[in-house]
Amino acid sequence: MSRKIVVVPVYNEEKMVINTLNEISSAVDSMIIINDGSTDSSAKKINEWLSGKSNVYFLSLKINRGKSYALKKGFGKVCELLKEGKIDNDDIIITIDADGQHLGGDINRMCEYLIKGGYDMVITRRDFGEYPFFKIIGNKILSLTASLLGGIKYNDIECGFRFMKAEIVPEIMKYYIGFKYSCEQEIGIIAGRLNYKIDNNYLIRPRFYRSRGTKIPDGIINVFFGMRAFIKVKFKKQKGS
């Protein structure tokens, strides 16, 4: 039976991080938590929460490098655990934000959805019913860009609540750069160009919508790194090559 390993980037989430970790931990077998140079009490609270837990890996960055870099470190740990035989190719890697916007209760049914559909990756699709209009437009532009560059239809490329087979992580990391908020765009395009079976149709309703996040300059950066990801895969420009 596939195990569930969740990767959680954390940056200044002192108000919600422990509630989120408690909610997630009951639905997974193992956790990889990355403190992205938080300047509040997030790291302290996580360290206290870790007491007595043997199935949690905690990585802490000295300075804030952005979500994409934090995920890169988390995925690097996944690759390490695969090499050591501590996780298997068919185990499921989950990414989720630490702010509590996504429900831990959705994890089990999404894993079942991935397995039953024979998918390599499932990117959840958010219900935009209460989403600000300008955010919807920005998301549509980024999703269209990812669709064109990735070669598959994306409905919500920016959703960070994702599920993927562990075996595809090392392949994606061969091309992944990771800068600021480029992670969702890059990973979607790389996975698409590597011909993995991806689904971005399963509709979920977040607990709330973040008021902060990517802005116009971030969107431009995302498109730029998405194009770089496309070029790297197309011309097999792997790390070190």
Protein backbone atom coordinates (compact mmCIF):
# COMPACT_ATOMS: atom_id res chain seq x y z
CA MET A 1 0.00 0.00 0.00
CA SER A 2 1.33 3.43 -0.94
CA ARG A 3 2.54 5.59 1.91
CA LYS A 4 1.78 9.31 2.04
CA ILE A 5 4.63 11.78 2.53
CA VAL A 6 3.73 15.46 2.79
CA VAL A 7 6.11 18.33 2.00
CA VAL A 8 5.21 21.55 3.86
CA PRO A 9 7.04 24.87 3.25
CA VAL A 10 6.61 27.30 6.15
CA TYR A 11 7.21 31.04 6.24
CA ASN A 12 5.91 33.20 9.08
CA GLU A 13 2.84 31.10 9.86
CA GLU A 14 3.04 31.19 13.67
CA LYS A 15 -0.74 31.58 14.05
CA MET A 16 -1.73 28.56 11.95
CA VAL A 17 1.27 26.26 11.57
CA ILE A 18 0.64 23.95 14.55
CA ASN A 19 -3.07 23.52 13.79
CA THR A 20 -2.15 22.79 10.18
CA LEU A 21 0.54 20.26 11.10
CA ASN A 22 -1.79 18.50 13.54
CA GLU A 23 -4.49 18.27 10.88
CA ILE A 24 -2.10 16.98 8.21
CA SER A 25 -0.19 14.55 10.43
CA SER A 26 -3.28 12.43 11.08
CA ALA A 27 -3.67 11.79 7.33
CA VAL A 28 -0.08 10.96 6.32
CA ASP A 29 2.70 8.52 7.15
CA SER A 30 5.60 10.97 7.12
CA MET A 31 6.27 14.70 6.87
CA ILE A 32 9.01 16.91 5.49
CA ILE A 33 8.74 20.43 6.92
CA ILE A 34 10.89 23.27 5.57
CA ASN A 35 11.16 26.47 7.58
CA ASP A 36 11.93 29.11 4.95
CA GLY A 37 13.83 31.53 7.18
CA SER A 38 10.78 32.58 9.23
CA THR A 39 11.31 35.71 11.33
CA ASP A 40 8.40 35.01 13.69
CA SER A 41 8.03 32.12 16.15
CA SER A 42 7.15 29.50 13.51
CA ALA A 43 10.45 27.59 13.81
CA LYS A 44 10.29 27.60 17.63
CA LYS A 45 6.74 26.27 17.60
CA ILE A 46 7.61 23.56 15.08
CA ASN A 47 10.61 22.43 17.14
CA GLU A 48 8.39 22.13 20.21
CA TRP A 49 5.76 20.25 18.20
CA LEU A 50 8.39 17.78 16.93
CA SER A 51 9.01 16.34 20.39
CA GLY A 52 8.38 12.58 20.38
CA LYS A 53 7.71 12.40 16.64
CA SER A 54 9.96 10.05 14.65
CA ASN A 55 8.29 10.31 11.26
CA VAL A 56 9.03 14.00 10.64
CA TYR A 57 12.03 15.56 8.88
CA PHE A 58 12.56 19.23 9.70
CA LEU A 59 14.78 21.40 7.49
CA SER A 60 15.40 25.00 8.52
CA LEU A 61 16.84 27.67 6.23
CA LYS A 62 18.70 30.57 7.83
CA ILE A 63 17.22 33.17 5.48
CA ASN A 64 14.03 33.43 3.47
CA ARG A 65 14.61 32.07 -0.04
CA GLY A 66 11.00 31.83 -1.27
CA LYS A 67 8.51 28.99 -1.53
CA SER A 68 10.06 27.55 -4.69
CA TYR A 69 13.47 27.14 -3.04
CA ALA A 70 11.90 25.67 0.11
CA LEU A 71 10.10 23.08 -2.03
CA LYS A 72 13.36 22.38 -3.83
CA LYS A 73 14.96 21.50 -0.50
CA GLY A 74 11.96 19.35 0.41
CA PHE A 75 12.05 17.50 -2.89
CA GLY A 76 15.79 17.04 -2.43
CA LYS A 77 14.98 15.21 0.80
CA VAL A 78 12.48 13.06 -1.09
CA CYS A 79 15.21 12.10 -3.58
CA GLU A 80 17.54 11.27 -0.69
CA LEU A 81 14.94 9.05 1.00
CA LEU A 82 14.28 7.25 -2.30
CA LYS A 83 17.98 6.48 -2.69
CA GLU A 84 18.15 5.20 0.88
CA GLY A 85 15.13 2.96 0.33
CA LYS A 86 13.16 4.68 3.09
CA ILE A 87 10.35 5.50 0.66
CA ASP A 88 9.27 3.65 -2.48
CA ASN A 89 8.55 4.75 -6.05
CA ASP A 90 4.82 4.18 -5.61
CA ASP A 91 4.55 6.24 -2.44
CA ILE A 92 2.66 9.51 -2.81
CA ILE A 93 4.31 12.90 -2.29
CA ILE A 94 1.92 15.67 -1.28
CA THR A 95 2.58 19.40 -1.23
CA ILE A 96 0.45 21.69 0.91
CA ASP A 97 0.83 25.20 2.33
CA ALA A 98 1.20 25.72 6.09
CA ASP A 99 -1.46 28.42 6.38
CA GLY A 100 -4.40 26.03 6.69
CA GLN A 101 -6.23 27.08 3.53
CA HIS A 102 -6.41 23.48 2.33
CA LEU A 103 -8.13 20.75 4.32
CA GLY A 104 -6.11 17.82 5.63
CA GLY A 105 -9.32 15.82 5.33
CA ASP A 106 -9.02 16.00 1.53
CA ILE A 107 -5.71 14.13 1.50
CA ASN A 108 -6.98 10.55 1.63
CA ARG A 109 -9.61 10.95 -1.07
CA MET A 110 -7.17 12.77 -3.35
CA CYS A 111 -4.64 9.96 -2.95
CA GLU A 112 -7.35 7.45 -3.83
CA TYR A 113 -8.24 9.58 -6.85
CA LEU A 114 -4.61 9.54 -8.04
CA ILE A 115 -4.30 5.76 -7.62
CA LYS A 116 -7.65 4.86 -9.20
CA GLY A 117 -7.04 7.19 -12.15
CA GLY A 118 -3.55 5.84 -12.74
CA TYR A 119 -2.17 9.38 -12.59
CA ASP A 120 1.44 10.36 -11.99
CA MET A 121 0.35 13.75 -10.67
CA VAL A 122 -2.89 15.35 -9.54
CA ILE A 123 -3.06 19.12 -9.18
CA THR A 124 -6.24 20.11 -7.38
CA ARG A 125 -8.44 22.76 -8.95
CA ARG A 126 -9.83 25.45 -6.67
CA ASP A 127 -13.42 26.68 -6.63
CA PHE A 128 -13.01 30.34 -7.56
CA GLY A 129 -16.50 31.36 -6.43
CA GLU A 130 -15.17 33.81 -3.83
CA TYR A 131 -11.85 34.57 -5.49
CA PRO A 132 -11.04 38.22 -6.41
CA PHE A 133 -11.66 38.91 -10.09
CA PHE A 134 -8.14 40.17 -10.82
CA LYS A 135 -6.71 37.01 -9.23
CA ILE A 136 -8.94 34.86 -11.46
CA ILE A 137 -7.68 36.68 -14.57
CA GLY A 138 -4.06 36.28 -13.46
CA ASN A 139 -4.59 32.60 -12.80
CA LYS A 140 -6.19 32.08 -16.20
CA ILE A 141 -3.23 33.74 -17.94
CA LEU A 142 -0.71 31.63 -16.02
CA SER A 143 -2.74 28.45 -16.57
CA LEU A 144 -3.00 29.16 -20.30
CA THR A 145 0.76 29.76 -20.48
CA ALA A 146 1.46 26.50 -18.64
CA SER A 147 -0.97 24.66 -20.93
CA LEU A 148 0.79 25.90 -24.06
CA LEU A 149 4.28 25.21 -22.72
CA GLY A 150 3.43 21.98 -20.90
CA GLY A 151 1.43 20.45 -23.72
CA ILE A 152 -1.62 19.58 -21.59
CA LYS A 153 -4.73 21.44 -20.42
CA TYR A 154 -4.34 23.15 -17.05
CA ASN A 155 -7.32 24.73 -15.29
CA ASP A 156 -5.55 26.00 -12.16
CA ILE A 157 -1.77 25.73 -12.51
CA GLU A 158 -1.12 27.87 -9.42
CA CYS A 159 -2.77 25.58 -6.89
CA GLY A 160 -0.07 24.25 -4.54
CA PHE A 161 -2.16 21.39 -3.14
CA ARG A 162 -0.67 18.57 -5.22
CA PHE A 163 -0.17 14.81 -5.26
CA MET A 164 2.47 12.89 -7.20
CA LYS A 165 4.15 9.51 -7.31
CA ALA A 166 7.51 9.62 -5.56
CA GLU A 167 9.27 8.14 -8.60
CA ILE A 168 8.68 11.25 -10.74
CA VAL A 169 10.27 13.68 -8.27
CA PRO A 170 13.94 12.94 -9.17
CA GLU A 171 13.12 13.32 -12.89
CA ILE A 172 11.41 16.66 -12.36
CA MET A 173 14.29 17.89 -10.19
CA LYS A 174 16.72 17.37 -13.09
CA TYR A 175 15.15 20.43 -14.77
CA TYR A 176 13.68 22.41 -11.87
CA ILE A 177 15.22 25.78 -10.93
CA GLY A 178 12.86 27.20 -8.30
CA PHE A 179 12.77 30.98 -7.81
CA LYS A 180 10.29 32.89 -5.64
CA TYR A 181 6.84 31.56 -6.67
CA SER A 182 7.85 29.82 -9.92
CA CYS A 183 7.40 26.32 -8.46
CA GLU A 184 3.85 25.55 -9.56
CA GLN A 185 4.42 26.81 -13.11
CA GLU A 186 7.79 25.08 -13.49
CA ILE A 187 6.72 21.72 -12.10
CA GLY A 188 3.54 21.65 -14.19
CA ILE A 189 5.41 22.42 -17.42
CA ILE A 190 8.25 20.00 -16.71
CA ALA A 191 5.88 17.17 -15.79
CA GLY A 192 3.79 17.83 -18.89
CA ARG A 193 6.80 17.82 -21.19
CA LEU A 194 8.06 14.60 -19.60
CA ASN A 195 4.73 13.05 -20.67
CA TYR A 196 3.52 12.16 -17.21
CA LYS A 197 -0.19 11.48 -16.79
CA ILE A 198 -1.52 14.59 -15.05
CA ASP A 199 -4.99 15.60 -13.87
CA ASN A 200 -6.04 19.16 -13.01
CA ASN A 201 -9.80 18.72 -12.94
CA TYR A 202 -10.68 17.70 -9.38
CA LEU A 203 -12.51 20.64 -7.83
CA ILE A 204 -11.88 21.50 -4.19
CA ARG A 205 -13.08 24.33 -1.97
CA PRO A 206 -10.34 25.86 0.19
CA ARG A 207 -11.12 26.84 3.76
CA PHE A 208 -10.26 30.42 2.76
CA TYR A 209 -8.42 32.33 0.03
CA ARG A 210 -5.11 34.02 0.74
CA SER A 211 -5.09 37.80 0.46
CA ARG A 212 -1.35 37.76 -0.14
CA GLY A 213 0.55 35.87 -2.78
CA THR A 214 1.76 36.41 -6.31
CA LYS A 215 1.51 39.89 -7.83
CA ILE A 216 2.08 41.09 -11.41
CA PRO A 217 5.92 41.05 -11.16
CA ASP A 218 5.73 37.54 -9.68
CA GLY A 219 3.48 36.46 -12.54
CA ILE A 220 6.02 37.72 -15.06
CA ILE A 221 8.77 35.83 -13.22
CA ASN A 222 6.62 32.68 -13.25
CA VAL A 223 6.13 32.90 -17.01
CA PHE A 224 9.86 33.48 -17.54
CA PHE A 225 10.86 30.46 -15.48
CA GLY A 226 8.10 28.44 -17.09
CA MET A 227 9.65 29.20 -20.48
CA ARG A 228 13.07 28.26 -19.13
CA ALA A 229 11.65 24.98 -17.88
CA PHE A 230 10.16 24.28 -21.30
CA ILE A 231 13.50 24.96 -23.02
CA LYS A 232 15.44 22.87 -20.50
CA VAL A 233 13.22 19.83 -21.04
CA LYS A 234 12.93 20.25 -24.81
CA PHE A 235 16.69 20.39 -25.24
CA LYS A 236 17.44 17.99 -22.33
CA LYS A 237 19.39 20.62 -20.42
CA GLN A 238 19.62 18.75 -17.14
CA LYS A 239 21.54 19.99 -14.11
CA GLY A 240 25.24 19.58 -14.63
CA SER A 241 24.92 19.12 -18.38
